[in-house]
Amino acid sequence: MHKIGAIILAAGMSKRMGEPKLLLSIQGKPLFRYVLGPVVESSLEPIILVAGKYIEEINQHTVDYPEIKIIFNQNYAAGMSTSLKLGIQSIKEHVDAVMIFLADQPLVSSTVIQSLMEKYEANRKEGIRIVRPEYQGKLGHPVLMDAELFNEFHTIEGDSGGQSIIKKYKHVMKIVSFDNPMWGVDVDTPEDLMKMKQYFDSEHNEE
């Protein structure tokens, strides 16, 4: 088995939301905390969370997760790429691959995490270096990337994240399909937040 770590990107500026979205409450819990549980419960290790402007608040809300290493991206305003570079730099000596998560994706599923890891293990010998989910045909996160690609992160800029790397290496990528579109939803706007709250309310009412 290869050692796979996790990077959680939590340094965004929330420009479309107009306020720090990762701290917004859904059923009494900050939005970003929803992704932490499935990641910690998995076999991913180490776990790096890259925070920015709101690192103090994020630290306060993660005291019960000592297994998560929180690092500060002082260049958070320059876009997601700076957080990815910092995360890769922090983890690259310790892993064979990394799974990259968005902290604004509250319904990320343990099923997805496990499936991506299994697909990677089953296909790495055949040359596969990226494994990515699609939710009812829409590509999304988390994305698993092999350590052989880590040097490529030096080339990324702005908010494009790792999209240029994925495009360059799509010939060594496997896609795993899932039927639940909500698993891949990230919260960017007030409308997204409202829909997510409605989803949680409906799930809670069905229990």
C-alpha atoms as a PDB file:
ATOM      1  CA  MET A   1       0.000   0.000   0.000  1.00  0.00           C
ATOM      2  CA  HIS A   2       1.209   3.469  -0.837  1.00  0.00           C
ATOM      3  CA  LYS A   3       1.184   6.240   1.726  1.00  0.00           C
ATOM      4  CA  ILE A   4      -1.383   8.864   0.786  1.00  0.00           C
ATOM      5  CA  GLY A   5      -1.678  12.194   2.578  1.00  0.00           C
ATOM      6  CA  ALA A   6      -4.342  14.896   2.494  1.00  0.00           C
ATOM      7  CA  ILE A   7      -4.269  18.614   1.785  1.00  0.00           C
ATOM      8  CA  ILE A   8      -7.358  20.621   2.736  1.00  0.00           C
ATOM      9  CA  LEU A   9      -7.516  24.033   1.065  1.00  0.00           C
ATOM     10  CA  ALA A  10      -9.053  26.541   3.490  1.00  0.00           C
ATOM     11  CA  ALA A  11      -7.401  29.859   2.647  1.00  0.00           C
ATOM     12  CA  GLY A  12      -9.913  31.271   0.149  1.00  0.00           C
ATOM     13  CA  MET A  13     -11.049  34.896   0.265  1.00  0.00           C
ATOM     14  CA  SER A  14     -14.788  34.128  -0.128  1.00  0.00           C
ATOM     15  CA  LYS A  15     -15.161  36.927  -2.674  1.00  0.00           C
ATOM     16  CA  ARG A  16     -18.414  35.597  -4.114  1.00  0.00           C
ATOM     17  CA  MET A  17     -19.894  35.018  -0.674  1.00  0.00           C
ATOM     18  CA  GLY A  18     -19.075  38.468   0.674  1.00  0.00           C
ATOM     19  CA  GLU A  19     -18.107  37.102   4.113  1.00  0.00           C
ATOM     20  CA  PRO A  20     -15.852  34.301   5.426  1.00  0.00           C
ATOM     21  CA  LYS A  21     -17.855  31.354   4.149  1.00  0.00           C
ATOM     22  CA  LEU A  22     -15.796  28.643   5.826  1.00  0.00           C
ATOM     23  CA  LEU A  23     -16.944  29.959   9.211  1.00  0.00           C
ATOM     24  CA  LEU A  24     -20.622  30.212   8.276  1.00  0.00           C
ATOM     25  CA  SER A  25     -22.804  27.917  10.327  1.00  0.00           C
ATOM     26  CA  ILE A  26     -24.761  24.953   9.004  1.00  0.00           C
ATOM     27  CA  GLN A  27     -26.768  23.327  11.778  1.00  0.00           C
ATOM     28  CA  GLY A  28     -24.524  24.904  14.390  1.00  0.00           C
ATOM     29  CA  LYS A  29     -21.221  23.835  12.854  1.00  0.00           C
ATOM     30  CA  PRO A  30     -18.804  25.916  10.740  1.00  0.00           C
ATOM     31  CA  LEU A  31     -18.951  24.956   7.085  1.00  0.00           C
ATOM     32  CA  PHE A  32     -15.302  23.873   6.850  1.00  0.00           C
ATOM     33  CA  ARG A  33     -15.605  21.371   9.721  1.00  0.00           C
ATOM     34  CA  TYR A  34     -17.828  19.062   7.689  1.00  0.00           C
ATOM     35  CA  VAL A  35     -14.931  17.948   5.500  1.00  0.00           C
ATOM     36  CA  LEU A  36     -12.654  17.217   8.456  1.00  0.00           C
ATOM     37  CA  GLY A  37     -14.500  14.182   9.802  1.00  0.00           C
ATOM     38  CA  PRO A  38     -14.356  12.003   6.668  1.00  0.00           C
ATOM     39  CA  VAL A  39     -10.700  12.917   6.108  1.00  0.00           C
ATOM     40  CA  VAL A  40      -9.612  12.142   9.673  1.00  0.00           C
ATOM     41  CA  GLU A  41     -11.620   8.904   9.721  1.00  0.00           C
ATOM     42  CA  SER A  42      -9.862   7.716   6.561  1.00  0.00           C
ATOM     43  CA  SER A  43      -6.355   6.256   6.395  1.00  0.00           C
ATOM     44  CA  LEU A  44      -4.990   9.450   4.838  1.00  0.00           C
ATOM     45  CA  GLU A  45      -1.887  10.640   6.662  1.00  0.00           C
ATOM     46  CA  PRO A  46      -0.499  13.187   7.256  1.00  0.00           C
ATOM     47  CA  ILE A  47      -3.336  15.710   6.999  1.00  0.00           C
ATOM     48  CA  ILE A  48      -2.395  19.302   6.163  1.00  0.00           C
ATOM     49  CA  LEU A  49      -4.916  22.147   6.298  1.00  0.00           C
ATOM     50  CA  VAL A  50      -3.785  25.349   4.600  1.00  0.00           C
ATOM     51  CA  ALA A  51      -5.435  28.428   6.120  1.00  0.00           C
ATOM     52  CA  GLY A  52      -5.214  32.109   5.297  1.00  0.00           C
ATOM     53  CA  LYS A  53      -6.834  35.242   6.663  1.00  0.00           C
ATOM     54  CA  TYR A  54      -9.016  33.368   9.145  1.00  0.00           C
ATOM     55  CA  ILE A  55      -6.396  31.004  10.560  1.00  0.00           C
ATOM     56  CA  GLU A  56      -7.077  32.066  14.165  1.00  0.00           C
ATOM     57  CA  GLU A  57     -10.746  31.156  13.899  1.00  0.00           C
ATOM     58  CA  ILE A  58      -9.924  27.898  12.124  1.00  0.00           C
ATOM     59  CA  ASN A  59      -7.442  27.015  14.869  1.00  0.00           C
ATOM     60  CA  GLN A  60     -10.143  27.618  17.477  1.00  0.00           C
ATOM     61  CA  HIS A  61     -12.537  25.286  15.677  1.00  0.00           C
ATOM     62  CA  THR A  62     -10.028  22.453  15.223  1.00  0.00           C
ATOM     63  CA  VAL A  63      -8.635  21.960  18.740  1.00  0.00           C
ATOM     64  CA  ASP A  64     -10.385  18.573  18.823  1.00  0.00           C
ATOM     65  CA  TYR A  65      -8.490  17.462  15.705  1.00  0.00           C
ATOM     66  CA  PRO A  66      -4.849  17.206  16.873  1.00  0.00           C
ATOM     67  CA  GLU A  67      -4.038  14.969  13.894  1.00  0.00           C
ATOM     68  CA  ILE A  68      -4.544  17.895  11.516  1.00  0.00           C
ATOM     69  CA  LYS A  69      -1.509  20.098  10.931  1.00  0.00           C
ATOM     70  CA  ILE A  70      -2.594  23.654  10.166  1.00  0.00           C
ATOM     71  CA  ILE A  71      -0.215  25.845   8.215  1.00  0.00           C
ATOM     72  CA  PHE A  72      -0.530  29.529   7.370  1.00  0.00           C
ATOM     73  CA  ASN A  73      -0.414  30.780   3.798  1.00  0.00           C
ATOM     74  CA  GLN A  74       0.634  34.404   4.133  1.00  0.00           C
ATOM     75  CA  ASN A  75       0.130  34.842   0.374  1.00  0.00           C
ATOM     76  CA  TYR A  76      -3.488  33.657   0.477  1.00  0.00           C
ATOM     77  CA  ALA A  77      -4.681  36.705  -1.485  1.00  0.00           C
ATOM     78  CA  ALA A  78      -2.679  35.522  -4.517  1.00  0.00           C
ATOM     79  CA  GLY A  79      -5.011  32.578  -5.116  1.00  0.00           C
ATOM     80  CA  MET A  80      -5.482  28.876  -4.551  1.00  0.00           C
ATOM     81  CA  SER A  81      -2.226  27.985  -6.288  1.00  0.00           C
ATOM     82  CA  THR A  82      -0.204  29.463  -3.417  1.00  0.00           C
ATOM     83  CA  SER A  83      -1.998  27.211  -0.933  1.00  0.00           C
ATOM     84  CA  LEU A  84      -1.452  24.158  -3.105  1.00  0.00           C
ATOM     85  CA  LYS A  85       2.260  24.900  -3.450  1.00  0.00           C
ATOM     86  CA  LEU A  86       2.585  25.353   0.300  1.00  0.00           C
ATOM     87  CA  GLY A  87       0.663  22.173   1.025  1.00  0.00           C
ATOM     88  CA  ILE A  88       2.723  20.121  -1.421  1.00  0.00           C
ATOM     89  CA  GLN A  89       5.949  21.569  -0.033  1.00  0.00           C
ATOM     90  CA  SER A  90       4.890  20.558   3.482  1.00  0.00           C
ATOM     91  CA  ILE A  91       3.862  17.016   2.613  1.00  0.00           C
ATOM     92  CA  LYS A  92       6.023  15.890  -0.310  1.00  0.00           C
ATOM     93  CA  GLU A  93       8.762  14.202   1.731  1.00  0.00           C
ATOM     94  CA  HIS A  94       6.265  12.032   3.597  1.00  0.00           C
ATOM     95  CA  VAL A  95       3.898  10.543   1.001  1.00  0.00           C
ATOM     96  CA  ASP A  96       3.627   8.633  -2.266  1.00  0.00           C
ATOM     97  CA  ALA A  97       0.499  10.555  -3.270  1.00  0.00           C
ATOM     98  CA  VAL A  98      -1.833  13.227  -1.966  1.00  0.00           C
ATOM     99  CA  MET A  99      -5.584  13.768  -1.996  1.00  0.00           C
ATOM    100  CA  ILE A 100      -6.582  17.415  -2.380  1.00  0.00           C
ATOM    101  CA  PHE A 101      -9.792  18.604  -0.719  1.00  0.00           C
ATOM    102  CA  LEU A 102     -11.777  21.845  -0.829  1.00  0.00           C
ATOM    103  CA  ALA A 103     -12.869  23.047   2.616  1.00  0.00           C
ATOM    104  CA  ASP A 104     -16.095  24.459   1.154  1.00  0.00           C
ATOM    105  CA  GLN A 105     -17.336  21.009   0.056  1.00  0.00           C
ATOM    106  CA  PRO A 106     -19.281  19.917   3.162  1.00  0.00           C
ATOM    107  CA  LEU A 107     -20.766  16.689   1.810  1.00  0.00           C
ATOM    108  CA  VAL A 108     -17.530  14.999   0.782  1.00  0.00           C
ATOM    109  CA  SER A 109     -18.081  11.304   1.370  1.00  0.00           C
ATOM    110  CA  SER A 110     -15.957   8.617   2.985  1.00  0.00           C
ATOM    111  CA  THR A 111     -17.137   6.412   0.123  1.00  0.00           C
ATOM    112  CA  VAL A 112     -15.493   8.743  -2.390  1.00  0.00           C
ATOM    113  CA  ILE A 113     -12.233   8.900  -0.446  1.00  0.00           C
ATOM    114  CA  GLN A 114     -11.993   5.126  -0.162  1.00  0.00           C
ATOM    115  CA  SER A 115     -12.955   4.553  -3.800  1.00  0.00           C
ATOM    116  CA  LEU A 116     -10.310   6.959  -5.098  1.00  0.00           C
ATOM    117  CA  MET A 117      -7.640   5.305  -2.963  1.00  0.00           C
ATOM    118  CA  GLU A 118      -8.625   1.834  -4.164  1.00  0.00           C
ATOM    119  CA  LYS A 119      -8.654   2.924  -7.812  1.00  0.00           C
ATOM    120  CA  TYR A 120      -5.181   4.417  -7.389  1.00  0.00           C
ATOM    121  CA  GLU A 121      -3.764   1.286  -5.762  1.00  0.00           C
ATOM    122  CA  ALA A 122      -5.291  -0.933  -8.452  1.00  0.00           C
ATOM    123  CA  ASN A 123      -3.984   1.119 -11.377  1.00  0.00           C
ATOM    124  CA  ARG A 124      -0.705   2.709 -10.338  1.00  0.00           C
ATOM    125  CA  LYS A 125       1.398  -0.102 -11.791  1.00  0.00           C
ATOM    126  CA  GLU A 126      -0.280   0.559 -15.149  1.00  0.00           C
ATOM    127  CA  GLY A 127       0.892   4.172 -15.035  1.00  0.00           C
ATOM    128  CA  ILE A 128      -2.114   5.973 -13.535  1.00  0.00           C
ATOM    129  CA  ARG A 129      -1.025   9.081 -11.636  1.00  0.00           C
ATOM    130  CA  ILE A 130      -4.297  10.998 -11.099  1.00  0.00           C
ATOM    131  CA  VAL A 131      -7.642   9.738  -9.832  1.00  0.00           C
ATOM    132  CA  ARG A 132     -10.627  12.057  -9.848  1.00  0.00           C
ATOM    133  CA  PRO A 133     -14.335  11.731  -9.056  1.00  0.00           C
ATOM    134  CA  GLU A 134     -17.258  12.735 -11.203  1.00  0.00           C
ATOM    135  CA  TYR A 135     -20.698  13.300  -9.760  1.00  0.00           C
ATOM    136  CA  GLN A 136     -23.427  12.520 -12.290  1.00  0.00           C
ATOM    137  CA  GLY A 137     -20.965  13.392 -15.043  1.00  0.00           C
ATOM    138  CA  LYS A 138     -19.536  16.546 -13.436  1.00  0.00           C
ATOM    139  CA  LEU A 139     -15.849  16.373 -12.505  1.00  0.00           C
ATOM    140  CA  GLY A 140     -15.034  17.451  -8.980  1.00  0.00           C
ATOM    141  CA  HIS A 141     -12.974  17.035  -5.821  1.00  0.00           C
ATOM    142  CA  PRO A 142     -11.193  15.530  -4.009  1.00  0.00           C
ATOM    143  CA  VAL A 143      -8.422  14.799  -6.504  1.00  0.00           C
ATOM    144  CA  LEU A 144      -5.712  12.199  -5.857  1.00  0.00           C
ATOM    145  CA  MET A 145      -2.320  12.975  -7.387  1.00  0.00           C
ATOM    146  CA  ASP A 146       0.835  10.867  -7.382  1.00  0.00           C
ATOM    147  CA  ALA A 147       4.108  12.220  -5.983  1.00  0.00           C
ATOM    148  CA  GLU A 148       5.673  12.000  -9.451  1.00  0.00           C
ATOM    149  CA  LEU A 149       3.620  15.088 -10.333  1.00  0.00           C
ATOM    150  CA  PHE A 150       4.583  17.202  -7.319  1.00  0.00           C
ATOM    151  CA  ASN A 151       7.273  19.137  -9.196  1.00  0.00           C
ATOM    152  CA  GLU A 152       4.586  20.321 -11.624  1.00  0.00           C
ATOM    153  CA  PHE A 153       3.034  22.443  -8.863  1.00  0.00           C
ATOM    154  CA  HIS A 154       5.857  24.968  -9.260  1.00  0.00           C
ATOM    155  CA  THR A 155       4.217  26.054 -12.521  1.00  0.00           C
ATOM    156  CA  ILE A 156       0.702  26.854 -11.281  1.00  0.00           C
ATOM    157  CA  GLU A 157      -0.555  30.387 -10.621  1.00  0.00           C
ATOM    158  CA  GLY A 158      -3.651  32.241  -9.454  1.00  0.00           C
ATOM    159  CA  ASP A 159      -6.910  30.473  -8.686  1.00  0.00           C
ATOM    160  CA  SER A 160      -6.632  27.763 -11.318  1.00  0.00           C
ATOM    161  CA  GLY A 161      -5.409  25.284  -8.721  1.00  0.00           C
ATOM    162  CA  GLY A 162      -4.102  22.099 -10.253  1.00  0.00           C
ATOM    163  CA  GLN A 163      -6.257  22.245 -13.381  1.00  0.00           C
ATOM    164  CA  SER A 164      -3.302  22.821 -15.698  1.00  0.00           C
ATOM    165  CA  ILE A 165      -1.548  19.761 -14.261  1.00  0.00           C
ATOM    166  CA  ILE A 166      -4.668  17.635 -14.623  1.00  0.00           C
ATOM    167  CA  LYS A 167      -5.053  18.773 -18.231  1.00  0.00           C
ATOM    168  CA  LYS A 168      -1.410  18.010 -19.016  1.00  0.00           C
ATOM    169  CA  TYR A 169      -1.596  14.531 -17.510  1.00  0.00           C
ATOM    170  CA  LYS A 170      -5.141  13.530 -18.400  1.00  0.00           C
ATOM    171  CA  HIS A 171      -3.715  10.552 -20.309  1.00  0.00           C
ATOM    172  CA  VAL A 172      -2.688   9.025 -16.953  1.00  0.00           C
ATOM    173  CA  MET A 173      -5.931   9.868 -15.139  1.00  0.00           C
ATOM    174  CA  LYS A 174      -8.715   7.562 -14.023  1.00  0.00           C
ATOM    175  CA  ILE A 175     -12.210   8.834 -13.264  1.00  0.00           C
ATOM    176  CA  VAL A 176     -14.478   7.243 -10.666  1.00  0.00           C
ATOM    177  CA  SER A 177     -18.204   7.911 -11.129  1.00  0.00           C
ATOM    178  CA  PHE A 178     -20.729   8.524  -8.356  1.00  0.00           C
ATOM    179  CA  ASP A 179     -24.483   8.988  -8.554  1.00  0.00           C
ATOM    180  CA  ASN A 180     -24.936  11.483  -5.709  1.00  0.00           C
ATOM    181  CA  PRO A 181     -24.431  15.007  -7.126  1.00  0.00           C
ATOM    182  CA  MET A 182     -24.518  16.589  -3.656  1.00  0.00           C
ATOM    183  CA  TRP A 183     -21.230  14.948  -2.707  1.00  0.00           C
ATOM    184  CA  GLY A 184     -19.436  17.199  -5.162  1.00  0.00           C
ATOM    185  CA  VAL A 185     -21.134  20.516  -4.382  1.00  0.00           C
ATOM    186  CA  ASP A 186     -18.939  23.339  -3.120  1.00  0.00           C
ATOM    187  CA  VAL A 187     -20.429  26.420  -1.487  1.00  0.00           C
ATOM    188  CA  ASP A 188     -19.377  29.628  -3.254  1.00  0.00           C
ATOM    189  CA  THR A 189     -22.391  31.950  -3.128  1.00  0.00           C
ATOM    190  CA  PRO A 190     -25.220  32.830  -0.711  1.00  0.00           C
ATOM    191  CA  GLU A 191     -27.504  30.810  -2.996  1.00  0.00           C
ATOM    192  CA  ASP A 192     -25.235  27.772  -2.646  1.00  0.00           C
ATOM    193  CA  LEU A 193     -25.308  28.159   1.130  1.00  0.00           C
ATOM    194  CA  MET A 194     -29.092  28.360   1.166  1.00  0.00           C
ATOM    195  CA  LYS A 195     -29.386  25.195  -0.925  1.00  0.00           C
ATOM    196  CA  MET A 196     -26.937  23.388   1.345  1.00  0.00           C
ATOM    197  CA  LYS A 197     -28.844  24.427   4.471  1.00  0.00           C
ATOM    198  CA  GLN A 198     -32.080  23.227   2.880  1.00  0.00           C
ATOM    199  CA  TYR A 199     -30.423  19.902   2.071  1.00  0.00           C
ATOM    200  CA  PHE A 200     -29.204  19.458   5.638  1.00  0.00           C
ATOM    201  CA  ASP A 201     -32.629  20.417   6.985  1.00  0.00           C
ATOM    202  CA  SER A 202     -34.358  17.874   4.754  1.00  0.00           C
ATOM    203  CA  GLU A 203     -31.884  15.154   5.745  1.00  0.00           C
ATOM    204  CA  HIS A 204     -32.343  16.003   9.419  1.00  0.00           C
ATOM    205  CA  ASN A 205     -36.131  15.916   9.115  1.00  0.00           C
ATOM    206  CA  GLU A 206     -35.995  12.457   7.535  1.00  0.00           C
ATOM    207  CA  GLU A 207     -34.106  10.994  10.484  1.00  0.00           C
END
